[in-house]
């Protein structure tokens, strides 16, 4: 379970959800950083992505604190991820790179 940086120690009741399997394709280095960060937090990749998306939908508080951001920066260096938010809508697949290969 990803806890917000302002976590107070009180665990709220957990809402029931229905999950579905997705076939989402993402940039390989982003996936590697996400998997590494999920492992760092000891949560599943799906839980990490759900937490990030829910925070983004509300835009009230960033999903990560300073320590978590440092861990992400280290993982980005390890996996050579040099993309930023400014690149998010400009990514283009390399020629012949539609294999669907997993990271």
N, C-alpha and C. Protein backbone atom coordinates (compact mmCIF):
# COMPACT_ATOMS: atom_id res chain seq x y z
N UNK A 1 0.85 -1.17 0.00
CA UNK A 1 0.00 0.00 0.00
C UNK A 1 0.89 1.23 0.00
N UNK A 2 0.68 2.11 -0.95
CA UNK A 2 1.46 3.35 -1.01
C UNK A 2 0.85 4.35 -0.04
N UNK A 3 1.65 4.84 0.88
CA UNK A 3 1.18 5.80 1.85
C UNK A 3 1.60 7.19 1.43
N UNK A 4 0.70 8.15 1.52
CA UNK A 4 1.08 9.51 1.16
C UNK A 4 2.15 10.03 2.10
N UNK A 5 2.91 11.01 1.64
CA UNK A 5 4.00 11.55 2.46
C UNK A 5 3.50 12.19 3.73
N UNK A 6 2.23 12.52 3.79
CA UNK A 6 1.66 13.12 4.99
C UNK A 6 0.94 12.08 5.83
N UNK A 7 1.27 10.81 5.67
CA UNK A 7 0.65 9.69 6.39
C UNK A 7 0.75 9.91 7.89
N UNK A 8 -0.37 9.74 8.59
CA UNK A 8 -0.41 10.03 10.03
C UNK A 8 -0.37 8.78 10.90
N UNK A 9 -0.43 7.60 10.31
CA UNK A 9 -0.43 6.37 11.09
C UNK A 9 -1.80 5.75 11.21
N UNK A 10 -2.83 6.49 10.87
CA UNK A 10 -4.18 5.95 10.90
C UNK A 10 -4.52 5.42 9.52
N UNK A 11 -4.89 4.15 9.44
CA UNK A 11 -5.23 3.54 8.16
C UNK A 11 -6.74 3.64 7.97
N UNK A 12 -7.16 4.38 6.94
CA UNK A 12 -8.60 4.50 6.69
C UNK A 12 -9.18 3.19 6.18
N UNK A 13 -10.50 3.07 6.22
CA UNK A 13 -11.13 1.86 5.69
C UNK A 13 -10.79 1.74 4.20
N UNK A 14 -10.70 0.52 3.74
CA UNK A 14 -10.30 0.28 2.36
C UNK A 14 -11.53 0.05 1.49
N UNK A 15 -11.70 0.87 0.47
CA UNK A 15 -12.85 0.67 -0.43
C UNK A 15 -12.65 -0.58 -1.29
N UNK A 16 -13.72 -1.30 -1.56
CA UNK A 16 -13.65 -2.45 -2.45
C UNK A 16 -13.54 -1.97 -3.89
N UNK A 17 -12.73 -2.63 -4.68
CA UNK A 17 -12.54 -2.26 -6.07
C UNK A 17 -12.60 -3.49 -6.95
N UNK A 18 -12.86 -3.28 -8.23
CA UNK A 18 -12.80 -4.34 -9.23
C UNK A 18 -11.65 -4.00 -10.17
N UNK A 19 -10.66 -4.86 -10.24
CA UNK A 19 -9.50 -4.59 -11.10
C UNK A 19 -9.62 -5.36 -12.41
N UNK A 20 -9.01 -4.79 -13.45
CA UNK A 20 -8.98 -5.43 -14.77
C UNK A 20 -7.54 -5.48 -15.24
N UNK A 21 -7.24 -6.46 -16.07
CA UNK A 21 -5.92 -6.59 -16.68
C UNK A 21 -5.85 -5.63 -17.86
N UNK A 22 -4.71 -4.94 -18.02
CA UNK A 22 -4.57 -4.00 -19.14
C UNK A 22 -3.44 -4.46 -20.06
N UNK A 23 -3.45 -3.94 -21.24
CA UNK A 23 -2.40 -4.21 -22.20
C UNK A 23 -1.68 -2.93 -22.58
N UNK A 24 -1.36 -2.13 -21.59
CA UNK A 24 -0.77 -0.81 -21.82
C UNK A 24 0.70 -0.94 -22.23
N UNK A 25 1.08 -0.19 -23.27
CA UNK A 25 2.48 -0.13 -23.69
C UNK A 25 3.08 1.16 -23.17
N UNK A 26 4.29 1.05 -22.62
CA UNK A 26 4.97 2.23 -22.07
C UNK A 26 6.44 2.19 -22.47
N UNK A 27 7.08 3.32 -22.37
CA UNK A 27 8.51 3.43 -22.66
C UNK A 27 9.27 2.52 -21.69
N UNK A 28 10.20 1.76 -22.24
CA UNK A 28 10.88 0.69 -21.51
C UNK A 28 11.58 1.18 -20.23
N UNK A 29 12.29 2.30 -20.30
CA UNK A 29 13.02 2.77 -19.12
C UNK A 29 12.07 3.27 -18.04
N UNK A 30 10.93 3.84 -18.46
CA UNK A 30 9.92 4.27 -17.48
C UNK A 30 9.41 3.06 -16.72
N UNK A 31 9.13 1.98 -17.43
CA UNK A 31 8.64 0.76 -16.79
C UNK A 31 9.68 0.21 -15.82
N UNK A 32 10.94 0.23 -16.22
CA UNK A 32 11.99 -0.27 -15.32
C UNK A 32 12.07 0.55 -14.03
N UNK A 33 11.97 1.87 -14.16
CA UNK A 33 12.00 2.74 -12.97
C UNK A 33 10.76 2.47 -12.12
N UNK A 34 9.60 2.35 -12.74
CA UNK A 34 8.37 2.08 -11.98
C UNK A 34 8.46 0.74 -11.24
N UNK A 35 8.94 -0.29 -11.92
CA UNK A 35 9.08 -1.60 -11.26
C UNK A 35 10.07 -1.52 -10.10
N UNK A 36 11.19 -0.84 -10.33
CA UNK A 36 12.18 -0.70 -9.27
C UNK A 36 11.63 0.08 -8.09
N UNK A 37 10.86 1.12 -8.36
CA UNK A 37 10.30 1.93 -7.28
C UNK A 37 9.22 1.15 -6.53
N UNK A 38 8.41 0.38 -7.24
CA UNK A 38 7.40 -0.46 -6.57
C UNK A 38 8.10 -1.45 -5.64
N UNK A 39 9.20 -2.03 -6.10
CA UNK A 39 9.97 -2.95 -5.27
C UNK A 39 10.53 -2.21 -4.05
N UNK A 40 11.04 -1.01 -4.25
CA UNK A 40 11.56 -0.18 -3.15
C UNK A 40 10.49 0.05 -2.08
N UNK A 41 9.24 0.28 -2.53
CA UNK A 41 8.13 0.53 -1.61
C UNK A 41 7.49 -0.77 -1.10
N UNK A 42 7.90 -1.90 -1.66
CA UNK A 42 7.35 -3.22 -1.32
C UNK A 42 5.85 -3.28 -1.60
N UNK A 43 5.47 -2.78 -2.78
CA UNK A 43 4.09 -2.86 -3.25
C UNK A 43 4.10 -3.35 -4.69
N UNK A 44 2.94 -3.71 -5.20
CA UNK A 44 2.86 -4.16 -6.59
C UNK A 44 2.94 -2.97 -7.54
N UNK A 45 3.32 -3.24 -8.76
CA UNK A 45 3.35 -2.20 -9.79
C UNK A 45 1.96 -1.61 -9.98
N UNK A 46 0.93 -2.44 -9.97
CA UNK A 46 -0.44 -1.95 -10.12
C UNK A 46 -0.83 -1.01 -9.00
N UNK A 47 -0.48 -1.35 -7.75
CA UNK A 47 -0.78 -0.47 -6.62
C UNK A 47 -0.07 0.87 -6.76
N UNK A 48 1.18 0.83 -7.20
CA UNK A 48 1.93 2.07 -7.40
C UNK A 48 1.26 2.94 -8.44
N UNK A 49 0.90 2.36 -9.59
CA UNK A 49 0.27 3.13 -10.66
C UNK A 49 -1.08 3.68 -10.23
N UNK A 50 -1.87 2.87 -9.51
CA UNK A 50 -3.16 3.37 -9.02
C UNK A 50 -2.96 4.58 -8.10
N UNK A 51 -1.98 4.50 -7.21
CA UNK A 51 -1.72 5.60 -6.30
C UNK A 51 -1.29 6.86 -7.03
N UNK A 52 -0.40 6.71 -8.00
CA UNK A 52 0.07 7.86 -8.78
C UNK A 52 -1.10 8.51 -9.52
N UNK A 53 -1.92 7.69 -10.16
CA UNK A 53 -3.04 8.21 -10.94
C UNK A 53 -4.06 8.90 -10.03
N UNK A 54 -4.39 8.30 -8.90
CA UNK A 54 -5.37 8.92 -8.00
C UNK A 54 -4.86 10.26 -7.49
N UNK A 55 -3.57 10.36 -7.17
CA UNK A 55 -3.01 11.65 -6.76
C UNK A 55 -3.08 12.66 -7.91
N UNK A 56 -2.75 12.21 -9.11
CA UNK A 56 -2.78 13.12 -10.27
C UNK A 56 -4.20 13.60 -10.55
N UNK A 57 -5.18 12.72 -10.40
CA UNK A 57 -6.57 13.11 -10.65
C UNK A 57 -7.03 14.19 -9.68
N UNK A 58 -6.56 14.14 -8.44
CA UNK A 58 -6.98 15.13 -7.45
C UNK A 58 -6.10 16.37 -7.46
N UNK A 59 -4.86 16.23 -7.80
CA UNK A 59 -3.90 17.34 -7.87
C UNK A 59 -3.84 18.16 -6.58
N UNK A 60 -4.11 17.53 -5.43
CA UNK A 60 -4.07 18.25 -4.16
C UNK A 60 -2.70 18.17 -3.50
N UNK A 61 -2.07 17.02 -3.64
CA UNK A 61 -0.76 16.82 -3.02
C UNK A 61 0.06 15.91 -3.91
N UNK A 62 1.35 16.17 -4.01
CA UNK A 62 2.19 15.28 -4.81
C UNK A 62 2.20 13.88 -4.20
N UNK A 63 2.31 12.84 -5.03
CA UNK A 63 2.26 11.48 -4.50
C UNK A 63 3.51 11.05 -3.73
N UNK A 64 4.60 11.80 -3.87
CA UNK A 64 5.86 11.37 -3.27
C UNK A 64 6.48 12.47 -2.42
N UNK A 65 7.13 12.04 -1.35
CA UNK A 65 7.89 12.94 -0.51
C UNK A 65 9.33 13.03 -0.99
N UNK A 66 10.14 13.79 -0.28
CA UNK A 66 11.53 14.02 -0.69
C UNK A 66 12.35 12.74 -0.75
N UNK A 67 12.20 11.86 0.24
CA UNK A 67 12.96 10.61 0.25
C UNK A 67 12.59 9.73 -0.94
N UNK A 68 11.30 9.66 -1.23
CA UNK A 68 10.85 8.86 -2.37
C UNK A 68 11.33 9.46 -3.69
N UNK A 69 11.33 10.78 -3.79
CA UNK A 69 11.83 11.43 -5.01
C UNK A 69 13.32 11.16 -5.21
N UNK A 70 14.09 11.12 -4.12
CA UNK A 70 15.52 10.78 -4.23
C UNK A 70 15.69 9.35 -4.74
N UNK A 71 14.87 8.44 -4.24
CA UNK A 71 14.93 7.04 -4.71
C UNK A 71 14.60 6.96 -6.19
N UNK A 72 13.60 7.71 -6.63
CA UNK A 72 13.23 7.73 -8.05
C UNK A 72 14.37 8.28 -8.89
N UNK A 73 14.99 9.37 -8.44
CA UNK A 73 16.12 9.94 -9.18
C UNK A 73 17.26 8.93 -9.32
N UNK A 74 17.54 8.19 -8.26
CA UNK A 74 18.58 7.16 -8.32
C UNK A 74 18.22 6.08 -9.33
N UNK A 75 16.96 5.63 -9.32
CA UNK A 75 16.52 4.62 -10.27
C UNK A 75 16.57 5.16 -11.70
N UNK A 76 16.24 6.43 -11.90
CA UNK A 76 16.33 7.01 -13.24
C UNK A 76 17.77 6.99 -13.74
N UNK A 77 18.72 7.27 -12.86
CA UNK A 77 20.14 7.21 -13.25
C UNK A 77 20.55 5.78 -13.59
N UNK A 78 20.14 4.83 -12.77
CA UNK A 78 20.49 3.42 -12.99
C UNK A 78 19.99 2.95 -14.34
N UNK A 79 18.75 3.31 -14.68
CA UNK A 79 18.14 2.82 -15.92
C UNK A 79 18.26 3.79 -17.09
N UNK A 80 19.00 4.87 -16.92
CA UNK A 80 19.24 5.79 -18.02
C UNK A 80 18.01 6.54 -18.49
N UNK A 81 17.08 6.79 -17.59
CA UNK A 81 15.86 7.51 -17.96
C UNK A 81 16.12 9.01 -17.91
N UNK A 82 16.19 9.60 -19.08
CA UNK A 82 16.48 11.04 -19.18
C UNK A 82 15.28 11.84 -19.68
N UNK A 83 14.10 11.21 -19.71
CA UNK A 83 12.89 11.90 -20.15
C UNK A 83 12.30 12.70 -18.99
N UNK A 84 11.56 13.75 -19.34
CA UNK A 84 10.90 14.57 -18.33
C UNK A 84 9.43 14.73 -18.71
N UNK A 85 8.68 15.40 -17.86
CA UNK A 85 7.27 15.65 -18.15
C UNK A 85 7.10 16.42 -19.45
N UNK A 86 8.07 17.26 -19.79
CA UNK A 86 7.99 18.03 -21.04
C UNK A 86 8.00 17.12 -22.26
N UNK A 87 8.54 15.90 -22.11
CA UNK A 87 8.60 14.95 -23.22
C UNK A 87 7.32 14.11 -23.36
N UNK A 88 6.42 14.20 -22.40
CA UNK A 88 5.32 13.24 -22.28
C UNK A 88 4.41 13.13 -23.50
N UNK A 89 4.19 14.18 -24.22
CA UNK A 89 3.29 14.10 -25.37
C UNK A 89 4.05 14.17 -26.69
N UNK A 90 5.37 13.98 -26.63
CA UNK A 90 6.19 14.08 -27.84
C UNK A 90 6.94 12.79 -28.12
N UNK A 91 6.67 11.71 -27.38
CA UNK A 91 7.40 10.46 -27.55
C UNK A 91 6.97 9.78 -28.84
N UNK A 92 7.96 9.31 -29.60
CA UNK A 92 7.72 8.63 -30.87
C UNK A 92 8.49 7.32 -30.83
N UNK A 93 7.82 6.22 -31.22
CA UNK A 93 8.49 4.92 -31.22
C UNK A 93 9.56 4.88 -32.30
N UNK A 94 10.64 4.17 -31.98
CA UNK A 94 11.70 3.95 -32.96
C UNK A 94 11.15 3.10 -34.08
N UNK A 95 11.70 3.26 -35.27
CA UNK A 95 11.29 2.45 -36.43
C UNK A 95 11.45 0.97 -36.10
N UNK A 96 10.41 0.18 -36.41
CA UNK A 96 10.46 -1.26 -36.21
C UNK A 96 10.39 -1.68 -34.74
N UNK A 97 9.95 -0.80 -33.84
CA UNK A 97 9.91 -1.12 -32.42
C UNK A 97 8.48 -1.29 -31.93
N UNK A 98 7.72 -2.13 -32.61
CA UNK A 98 6.34 -2.40 -32.21
C UNK A 98 6.19 -3.83 -31.72
N UNK A 99 7.26 -4.38 -31.15
CA UNK A 99 7.29 -5.78 -30.77
C UNK A 99 6.44 -6.08 -29.55
N UNK A 100 6.19 -5.10 -28.70
CA UNK A 100 5.46 -5.35 -27.48
C UNK A 100 6.31 -6.02 -26.42
N UNK A 101 7.63 -6.00 -26.61
CA UNK A 101 8.57 -6.61 -25.67
C UNK A 101 8.44 -5.97 -24.29
N UNK A 102 8.42 -6.81 -23.25
CA UNK A 102 8.30 -6.30 -21.88
C UNK A 102 9.64 -5.92 -21.33
N UNK A 103 9.64 -4.98 -20.38
CA UNK A 103 10.86 -4.55 -19.72
C UNK A 103 11.25 -5.50 -18.63
